[in-house]
């Protein structure tokens, strides 16, 4: 009996999930490059046990790396379906090894996958909507620009420096390099700074 189903626009409903462990299931989605949204739902055949829900994860295909699981949101008996926008998700090269082994796989996967982890509702995290993620990205970028403008307003050439034994100096190139790295990581995963 299928507990979960997924809908990808223009395709048949998919209910084949492979059980990886007692609490984890995975299904594969072929040709994921053309997908913008996915609907994940309880089929109604089997409800969650009382106090339990399902954290939904997504992994983009990457021919050079094992899956990186990104949380999308959750399902519960009170929230039996959800639409997830996946077109804005990117590969997360910087996620730790724990994410690669999350659903028992360490080999390279060429197709996108949906993973569902059945957990107590108290452990399940709700993932911000794409709009709030975009707002966080915009905020972080504006903050970085403000920081860079502030730092640049204090720049002087080495010939204009007055020796000050109490001051510590950092090369501007170091700050610019940090800025570029932070912005790149922010684009790859808007929530990387939370870990």
C-alpha atoms as a PDB file:
ATOM      1  CA  UNK A   1       0.000   0.000   0.000  1.00  0.00           C
ATOM      2  CA  UNK A   2       1.477   3.323  -1.086  1.00  0.00           C
ATOM      3  CA  UNK A   3       1.564   5.927   1.665  1.00  0.00           C
ATOM      4  CA  UNK A   4       3.020   8.765  -0.469  1.00  0.00           C
ATOM      5  CA  UNK A   5       2.648  10.046  -3.980  1.00  0.00           C
ATOM      6  CA  UNK A   6       4.270  12.733  -6.081  1.00  0.00           C
ATOM      7  CA  UNK A   7       3.006  14.691  -9.037  1.00  0.00           C
ATOM      8  CA  UNK A   8       5.280  16.271 -11.618  1.00  0.00           C
ATOM      9  CA  UNK A   9       3.408  18.385 -14.164  1.00  0.00           C
ATOM     10  CA  UNK A  10       2.758  16.491 -17.380  1.00  0.00           C
ATOM     11  CA  UNK A  11       3.577  13.086 -15.872  1.00  0.00           C
ATOM     12  CA  UNK A  12       1.657  10.265 -14.269  1.00  0.00           C
ATOM     13  CA  UNK A  13       1.282  10.176 -10.497  1.00  0.00           C
ATOM     14  CA  UNK A  14       4.220   8.356  -8.951  1.00  0.00           C
ATOM     15  CA  UNK A  15       3.715   6.256  -5.801  1.00  0.00           C
ATOM     16  CA  UNK A  16       6.723   3.923  -5.947  1.00  0.00           C
ATOM     17  CA  UNK A  17       8.954   4.716  -2.962  1.00  0.00           C
ATOM     18  CA  UNK A  18      11.848   2.502  -1.942  1.00  0.00           C
ATOM     19  CA  UNK A  19      12.113   1.946   1.803  1.00  0.00           C
ATOM     20  CA  UNK A  20      15.711   2.701   2.849  1.00  0.00           C
ATOM     21  CA  UNK A  21      15.206   2.225   6.582  1.00  0.00           C
ATOM     22  CA  UNK A  22      12.341   1.876   9.014  1.00  0.00           C
ATOM     23  CA  UNK A  23      11.679   5.630   8.801  1.00  0.00           C
ATOM     24  CA  UNK A  24      13.132   6.705   5.423  1.00  0.00           C
ATOM     25  CA  UNK A  25      11.809   6.352   1.886  1.00  0.00           C
ATOM     26  CA  UNK A  26      13.186   7.499  -1.469  1.00  0.00           C
ATOM     27  CA  UNK A  27      11.862   7.811  -4.994  1.00  0.00           C
ATOM     28  CA  UNK A  28      13.660   8.811  -8.178  1.00  0.00           C
ATOM     29  CA  UNK A  29      12.465  11.427 -10.656  1.00  0.00           C
ATOM     30  CA  UNK A  30      13.859  11.113 -14.169  1.00  0.00           C
ATOM     31  CA  UNK A  31      14.664  14.117 -16.378  1.00  0.00           C
ATOM     32  CA  UNK A  32      14.655  16.558 -13.467  1.00  0.00           C
ATOM     33  CA  UNK A  33      16.092  19.478 -15.447  1.00  0.00           C
ATOM     34  CA  UNK A  34      12.635  20.314 -16.805  1.00  0.00           C
ATOM     35  CA  UNK A  35      10.833  20.355 -13.463  1.00  0.00           C
ATOM     36  CA  UNK A  36       9.745  23.570 -11.736  1.00  0.00           C
ATOM     37  CA  UNK A  37       7.352  22.308  -9.050  1.00  0.00           C
ATOM     38  CA  UNK A  38       6.584  19.010  -7.344  1.00  0.00           C
ATOM     39  CA  UNK A  39       3.492  18.038  -5.388  1.00  0.00           C
ATOM     40  CA  UNK A  40       4.106  15.531  -2.585  1.00  0.00           C
ATOM     41  CA  UNK A  41       1.068  14.061  -0.836  1.00  0.00           C
ATOM     42  CA  UNK A  42      -0.295  11.360   1.430  1.00  0.00           C
ATOM     43  CA  UNK A  43      -2.367   8.949  -0.635  1.00  0.00           C
ATOM     44  CA  UNK A  44      -4.857   8.485   2.221  1.00  0.00           C
ATOM     45  CA  UNK A  45      -4.321   4.729   2.355  1.00  0.00           C
ATOM     46  CA  UNK A  46      -2.068   4.877   5.448  1.00  0.00           C
ATOM     47  CA  UNK A  47      -1.954   7.892   7.802  1.00  0.00           C
ATOM     48  CA  UNK A  48       1.056   8.896   9.866  1.00  0.00           C
ATOM     49  CA  UNK A  49       1.147   7.436  13.374  1.00  0.00           C
ATOM     50  CA  UNK A  50      -0.104   9.887  16.017  1.00  0.00           C
ATOM     51  CA  UNK A  51       2.394  12.731  16.602  1.00  0.00           C
ATOM     52  CA  UNK A  52       4.469  11.860  13.539  1.00  0.00           C
ATOM     53  CA  UNK A  53       5.027  13.561  10.187  1.00  0.00           C
ATOM     54  CA  UNK A  54       7.274  13.349   7.156  1.00  0.00           C
ATOM     55  CA  UNK A  55      10.155  15.735   6.457  1.00  0.00           C
ATOM     56  CA  UNK A  56      10.447  16.004   2.660  1.00  0.00           C
ATOM     57  CA  UNK A  57      13.896  16.316   1.057  1.00  0.00           C
ATOM     58  CA  UNK A  58      15.030  16.899  -2.511  1.00  0.00           C
ATOM     59  CA  UNK A  59      18.312  16.137  -4.260  1.00  0.00           C
ATOM     60  CA  UNK A  60      19.251  17.591  -7.655  1.00  0.00           C
ATOM     61  CA  UNK A  61      21.157  15.306  -9.988  1.00  0.00           C
ATOM     62  CA  UNK A  62      24.918  15.767 -10.004  1.00  0.00           C
ATOM     63  CA  UNK A  63      26.979  13.406 -12.192  1.00  0.00           C
ATOM     64  CA  UNK A  64      30.116  14.131 -10.144  1.00  0.00           C
ATOM     65  CA  UNK A  65      28.901  13.772  -6.571  1.00  0.00           C
ATOM     66  CA  UNK A  66      26.598  11.799  -4.308  1.00  0.00           C
ATOM     67  CA  UNK A  67      23.206  13.338  -3.451  1.00  0.00           C
ATOM     68  CA  UNK A  68      22.990  16.476  -1.332  1.00  0.00           C
ATOM     69  CA  UNK A  69      19.655  16.403   0.489  1.00  0.00           C
ATOM     70  CA  UNK A  70      17.868  19.738   0.803  1.00  0.00           C
ATOM     71  CA  UNK A  71      14.795  20.022   3.046  1.00  0.00           C
ATOM     72  CA  UNK A  72      11.691  21.229   1.216  1.00  0.00           C
ATOM     73  CA  UNK A  73       9.067  21.113   3.961  1.00  0.00           C
ATOM     74  CA  UNK A  74       6.891  18.521   5.608  1.00  0.00           C
ATOM     75  CA  UNK A  75       3.680  16.519   5.466  1.00  0.00           C
ATOM     76  CA  UNK A  76       1.461  15.487   8.353  1.00  0.00           C
ATOM     77  CA  UNK A  77      -2.040  14.140   8.838  1.00  0.00           C
ATOM     78  CA  UNK A  78      -3.147  17.778   9.243  1.00  0.00           C
ATOM     79  CA  UNK A  79      -1.116  18.854   6.162  1.00  0.00           C
ATOM     80  CA  UNK A  80      -1.452  15.890   3.770  1.00  0.00           C
ATOM     81  CA  UNK A  81      -0.066  17.604   0.666  1.00  0.00           C
ATOM     82  CA  UNK A  82       2.309  20.365  -0.340  1.00  0.00           C
ATOM     83  CA  UNK A  83       3.553  22.006  -3.521  1.00  0.00           C
ATOM     84  CA  UNK A  84       7.302  22.616  -3.574  1.00  0.00           C
ATOM     85  CA  UNK A  85       9.114  24.943  -5.960  1.00  0.00           C
ATOM     86  CA  UNK A  86      12.367  23.230  -6.901  1.00  0.00           C
ATOM     87  CA  UNK A  87      13.499  25.276  -9.907  1.00  0.00           C
ATOM     88  CA  UNK A  88      15.415  27.688  -7.642  1.00  0.00           C
ATOM     89  CA  UNK A  89      17.302  25.000  -5.721  1.00  0.00           C
ATOM     90  CA  UNK A  90      20.945  24.472  -6.515  1.00  0.00           C
ATOM     91  CA  UNK A  91      23.530  21.844  -5.734  1.00  0.00           C
ATOM     92  CA  UNK A  92      25.065  22.290  -2.308  1.00  0.00           C
ATOM     93  CA  UNK A  93      28.741  21.475  -2.660  1.00  0.00           C
ATOM     94  CA  UNK A  94      29.412  22.772   0.843  1.00  0.00           C
ATOM     95  CA  UNK A  95      27.060  20.518   2.773  1.00  0.00           C
ATOM     96  CA  UNK A  96      28.740  18.135   5.178  1.00  0.00           C
ATOM     97  CA  UNK A  97      29.115  14.417   4.618  1.00  0.00           C
ATOM     98  CA  UNK A  98      26.106  13.719   6.845  1.00  0.00           C
ATOM     99  CA  UNK A  99      23.793  14.950   4.115  1.00  0.00           C
ATOM    100  CA  UNK A 100      25.312  12.602   1.553  1.00  0.00           C
ATOM    101  CA  UNK A 101      24.599   9.509   3.629  1.00  0.00           C
ATOM    102  CA  UNK A 102      21.185  10.645   4.828  1.00  0.00           C
ATOM    103  CA  UNK A 103      19.157   8.114   2.864  1.00  0.00           C
ATOM    104  CA  UNK A 104      21.797   5.392   2.794  1.00  0.00           C
ATOM    105  CA  UNK A 105      23.389   6.342  -0.505  1.00  0.00           C
ATOM    106  CA  UNK A 106      26.952   7.344  -1.134  1.00  0.00           C
ATOM    107  CA  UNK A 107      27.196   6.601  -4.854  1.00  0.00           C
ATOM    108  CA  UNK A 108      26.663   9.137  -7.638  1.00  0.00           C
ATOM    109  CA  UNK A 109      23.042   9.618  -8.722  1.00  0.00           C
ATOM    110  CA  UNK A 110      22.131  11.088 -12.116  1.00  0.00           C
ATOM    111  CA  UNK A 111      18.428  11.643 -11.404  1.00  0.00           C
ATOM    112  CA  UNK A 112      16.666  13.880  -8.928  1.00  0.00           C
ATOM    113  CA  UNK A 113      15.294  12.212  -5.839  1.00  0.00           C
ATOM    114  CA  UNK A 114      12.642  12.841  -3.226  1.00  0.00           C
ATOM    115  CA  UNK A 115      13.363  11.504   0.250  1.00  0.00           C
ATOM    116  CA  UNK A 116      10.862  11.370   3.098  1.00  0.00           C
ATOM    117  CA  UNK A 117      11.983  10.898   6.676  1.00  0.00           C
ATOM    118  CA  UNK A 118       9.216   9.963   9.125  1.00  0.00           C
ATOM    119  CA  UNK A 119       9.890  11.748  12.396  1.00  0.00           C
ATOM    120  CA  UNK A 120       8.111  13.148  15.454  1.00  0.00           C
ATOM    121  CA  UNK A 121       6.370  16.405  14.548  1.00  0.00           C
ATOM    122  CA  UNK A 122       8.436  18.171  17.233  1.00  0.00           C
ATOM    123  CA  UNK A 123      11.625  17.361  15.246  1.00  0.00           C
ATOM    124  CA  UNK A 124      10.300  18.458  11.872  1.00  0.00           C
ATOM    125  CA  UNK A 125      11.387  21.819  10.552  1.00  0.00           C
ATOM    126  CA  UNK A 126       9.214  23.895   8.303  1.00  0.00           C
ATOM    127  CA  UNK A 127      11.261  25.243   5.428  1.00  0.00           C
ATOM    128  CA  UNK A 128      10.769  28.911   4.508  1.00  0.00           C
ATOM    129  CA  UNK A 129       8.870  29.571   1.308  1.00  0.00           C
ATOM    130  CA  UNK A 130      10.870  30.605  -1.774  1.00  0.00           C
ATOM    131  CA  UNK A 131       9.631  34.175  -1.248  1.00  0.00           C
ATOM    132  CA  UNK A 132      11.122  34.356   2.241  1.00  0.00           C
ATOM    133  CA  UNK A 133      14.316  32.698   0.963  1.00  0.00           C
ATOM    134  CA  UNK A 134      14.552  35.342  -1.771  1.00  0.00           C
ATOM    135  CA  UNK A 135      13.955  38.041   0.850  1.00  0.00           C
ATOM    136  CA  UNK A 136      16.783  36.597   2.972  1.00  0.00           C
ATOM    137  CA  UNK A 137      19.094  36.530  -0.049  1.00  0.00           C
ATOM    138  CA  UNK A 138      18.225  40.134  -0.908  1.00  0.00           C
ATOM    139  CA  UNK A 139      18.791  41.220   2.705  1.00  0.00           C
ATOM    140  CA  UNK A 140      22.153  39.442   2.889  1.00  0.00           C
ATOM    141  CA  UNK A 141      23.295  40.934  -0.420  1.00  0.00           C
ATOM    142  CA  UNK A 142      22.300  44.452   0.681  1.00  0.00           C
ATOM    143  CA  UNK A 143      24.066  43.922   4.012  1.00  0.00           C
ATOM    144  CA  UNK A 144      27.219  42.761   2.200  1.00  0.00           C
ATOM    145  CA  UNK A 145      27.116  45.735  -0.153  1.00  0.00           C
ATOM    146  CA  UNK A 146      26.708  48.085   2.811  1.00  0.00           C
ATOM    147  CA  UNK A 147      29.639  46.437   4.608  1.00  0.00           C
ATOM    148  CA  UNK A 148      31.854  46.688   1.516  1.00  0.00           C
ATOM    149  CA  UNK A 149      30.951  50.344   0.984  1.00  0.00           C
ATOM    150  CA  UNK A 150      31.757  51.053   4.627  1.00  0.00           C
ATOM    151  CA  UNK A 151      35.133  49.292   4.436  1.00  0.00           C
ATOM    152  CA  UNK A 152      36.002  50.926   1.123  1.00  0.00           C
ATOM    153  CA  UNK A 153      35.317  54.370   2.579  1.00  0.00           C
ATOM    154  CA  UNK A 154      38.353  53.876   4.856  1.00  0.00           C
ATOM    155  CA  UNK A 155      40.799  52.745   2.202  1.00  0.00           C
ATOM    156  CA  UNK A 156      44.099  54.562   1.811  1.00  0.00           C
ATOM    157  CA  UNK A 157      47.220  53.713  -0.109  1.00  0.00           C
ATOM    158  CA  UNK A 158      50.257  52.362   1.699  1.00  0.00           C
ATOM    159  CA  UNK A 159      52.157  55.593   1.061  1.00  0.00           C
ATOM    160  CA  UNK A 160      49.440  57.563   2.923  1.00  0.00           C
ATOM    161  CA  UNK A 161      49.390  55.281   5.967  1.00  0.00           C
ATOM    162  CA  UNK A 162      50.443  56.761   9.287  1.00  0.00           C
ATOM    163  CA  UNK A 163      52.124  54.186  11.560  1.00  0.00           C
ATOM    164  CA  UNK A 164      49.849  53.246  14.452  1.00  0.00           C
ATOM    165  CA  UNK A 165      51.085  50.469  16.755  1.00  0.00           C
ATOM    166  CA  UNK A 166      47.572  49.969  18.196  1.00  0.00           C
ATOM    167  CA  UNK A 167      45.889  49.347  14.828  1.00  0.00           C
ATOM    168  CA  UNK A 168      45.540  46.045  12.996  1.00  0.00           C
ATOM    169  CA  UNK A 169      45.433  46.149   9.210  1.00  0.00           C
ATOM    170  CA  UNK A 170      43.724  43.734   6.863  1.00  0.00           C
ATOM    171  CA  UNK A 171      44.441  43.846   3.125  1.00  0.00           C
ATOM    172  CA  UNK A 172      41.394  44.999   1.185  1.00  0.00           C
ATOM    173  CA  UNK A 173      41.853  42.038  -1.170  1.00  0.00           C
ATOM    174  CA  UNK A 174      41.170  39.715   1.796  1.00  0.00           C
ATOM    175  CA  UNK A 175      37.856  41.446   2.518  1.00  0.00           C
ATOM    176  CA  UNK A 176      36.919  41.393  -1.174  1.00  0.00           C
ATOM    177  CA  UNK A 177      37.749  37.686  -1.368  1.00  0.00           C
ATOM    178  CA  UNK A 178      35.559  37.007   1.704  1.00  0.00           C
ATOM    179  CA  UNK A 179      32.742  39.014   0.092  1.00  0.00           C
ATOM    180  CA  UNK A 180      32.896  36.998  -3.150  1.00  0.00           C
ATOM    181  CA  UNK A 181      32.980  33.686  -1.255  1.00  0.00           C
ATOM    182  CA  UNK A 182      30.079  34.668   1.003  1.00  0.00           C
ATOM    183  CA  UNK A 183      27.977  35.783  -1.959  1.00  0.00           C
ATOM    184  CA  UNK A 184      28.746  32.555  -3.887  1.00  0.00           C
ATOM    185  CA  UNK A 185      27.790  30.404  -0.901  1.00  0.00           C
ATOM    186  CA  UNK A 186      24.626  32.470  -0.405  1.00  0.00           C
ATOM    187  CA  UNK A 187      23.604  31.810  -4.014  1.00  0.00           C
ATOM    188  CA  UNK A 188      24.223  28.071  -3.609  1.00  0.00           C
ATOM    189  CA  UNK A 189      22.333  27.800  -0.329  1.00  0.00           C
ATOM    190  CA  UNK A 190      20.538  30.826   1.171  1.00  0.00           C
ATOM    191  CA  UNK A 191      20.536  29.113   4.579  1.00  0.00           C
ATOM    192  CA  UNK A 192      24.218  28.068   4.751  1.00  0.00           C
ATOM    193  CA  UNK A 193      24.940  30.691   7.420  1.00  0.00           C
ATOM    194  CA  UNK A 194      22.544  28.956   9.847  1.00  0.00           C
ATOM    195  CA  UNK A 195      24.841  25.964  10.300  1.00  0.00           C
END
